[in-house]
């Protein structure tokens, strides 16, 4: 499956609790995008795309997502745990 045909899922938070979700989404064929205020959050290292952003800062999250969309990363959903 080519990168442009894969759908991407935004995961709000990338701590230990989100590792299972990120890996499961990847196993299902999704690209994963993770944001977390903690730059050492483990999910940031395993997500396909990630950024140390506090997900409560909606404007920064939106700007990051807009940059990804301009790079043809097809964000199709958002989730958290």
Protein backbone atom coordinates (compact mmCIF):
# COMPACT_ATOMS: atom_id res chain seq x y z
CA UNK A 1 0.00 0.00 0.00
CA UNK A 2 1.53 3.32 -1.03
CA UNK A 3 1.93 6.16 1.43
CA UNK A 4 -0.53 8.40 -0.40
CA UNK A 5 -3.26 5.73 -0.40
CA UNK A 6 -2.98 5.02 3.34
CA UNK A 7 -5.30 6.82 5.70
CA UNK A 8 -3.80 8.54 8.73
CA UNK A 9 -5.08 8.62 12.28
CA UNK A 10 -4.23 11.44 14.70
CA UNK A 11 -3.66 10.19 18.26
CA UNK A 12 -3.93 12.85 20.95
CA UNK A 13 -1.37 11.81 23.54
CA UNK A 14 1.59 9.51 23.05
CA UNK A 15 2.18 8.16 26.53
CA UNK A 16 2.35 4.53 27.58
CA UNK A 17 -1.46 4.30 27.45
CA UNK A 18 -1.49 5.18 23.74
CA UNK A 19 1.22 2.71 22.63
CA UNK A 20 -1.32 -0.08 22.08
CA UNK A 21 -3.56 2.21 20.02
CA UNK A 22 -0.69 3.45 17.85
CA UNK A 23 0.59 -0.06 17.17
CA UNK A 24 -2.88 -1.45 16.53
CA UNK A 25 -3.65 1.32 14.03
CA UNK A 26 -0.36 0.63 12.24
CA UNK A 27 -1.13 -3.11 12.10
CA UNK A 28 -4.49 -2.21 10.53
CA UNK A 29 -2.68 -0.28 7.80
CA UNK A 30 -3.10 3.26 9.08
CA UNK A 31 -0.37 5.85 9.19
CA UNK A 32 -0.19 7.23 12.70
CA UNK A 33 0.30 10.82 13.80
CA UNK A 34 0.89 11.44 17.50
CA UNK A 35 1.10 14.63 19.52
CA UNK A 36 2.03 14.93 23.19
CA UNK A 37 3.37 17.77 25.34
CA UNK A 38 6.06 15.44 26.72
CA UNK A 39 8.84 15.29 24.14
CA UNK A 40 9.97 12.01 25.74
CA UNK A 41 6.56 10.31 25.37
CA UNK A 42 7.24 6.80 24.01
CA UNK A 43 4.50 6.97 21.38
CA UNK A 44 6.25 9.85 19.64
CA UNK A 45 9.06 7.45 18.74
CA UNK A 46 6.85 4.75 17.24
CA UNK A 47 4.27 6.87 15.40
CA UNK A 48 4.87 7.44 11.71
CA UNK A 49 4.67 11.20 12.26
CA UNK A 50 4.92 12.95 15.59
CA UNK A 51 5.43 16.28 17.27
CA UNK A 52 5.88 17.39 20.86
CA UNK A 53 2.76 19.58 21.09
CA UNK A 54 0.37 19.89 24.01
CA UNK A 55 -2.85 18.56 22.51
CA UNK A 56 -4.86 21.07 24.53
CA UNK A 57 -3.22 23.78 22.37
CA UNK A 58 -5.72 23.36 19.58
CA UNK A 59 -4.23 26.02 17.31
CA UNK A 60 -0.80 24.34 17.32
CA UNK A 61 -2.34 20.92 16.68
CA UNK A 62 -4.38 22.31 13.78
CA UNK A 63 -1.32 24.02 12.26
CA UNK A 64 0.67 20.78 12.51
CA UNK A 65 -2.18 18.83 10.88
CA UNK A 66 -2.47 21.42 8.11
CA UNK A 67 1.26 21.00 7.37
CA UNK A 68 0.84 17.24 7.17
CA UNK A 69 -2.16 17.55 4.86
CA UNK A 70 -0.10 19.82 2.57
CA UNK A 71 2.47 16.99 2.49
CA UNK A 72 -0.30 14.63 1.30
CA UNK A 73 -0.69 12.85 4.64
CA UNK A 74 -4.41 11.98 4.50
CA UNK A 75 -5.66 12.58 8.04
CA UNK A 76 -9.01 10.83 8.30
CA UNK A 77 -9.65 10.54 12.03
CA UNK A 78 -8.68 11.52 15.53
CA UNK A 79 -8.68 9.56 18.77
CA UNK A 80 -7.38 9.50 22.31
CA UNK A 81 -7.58 7.23 25.33
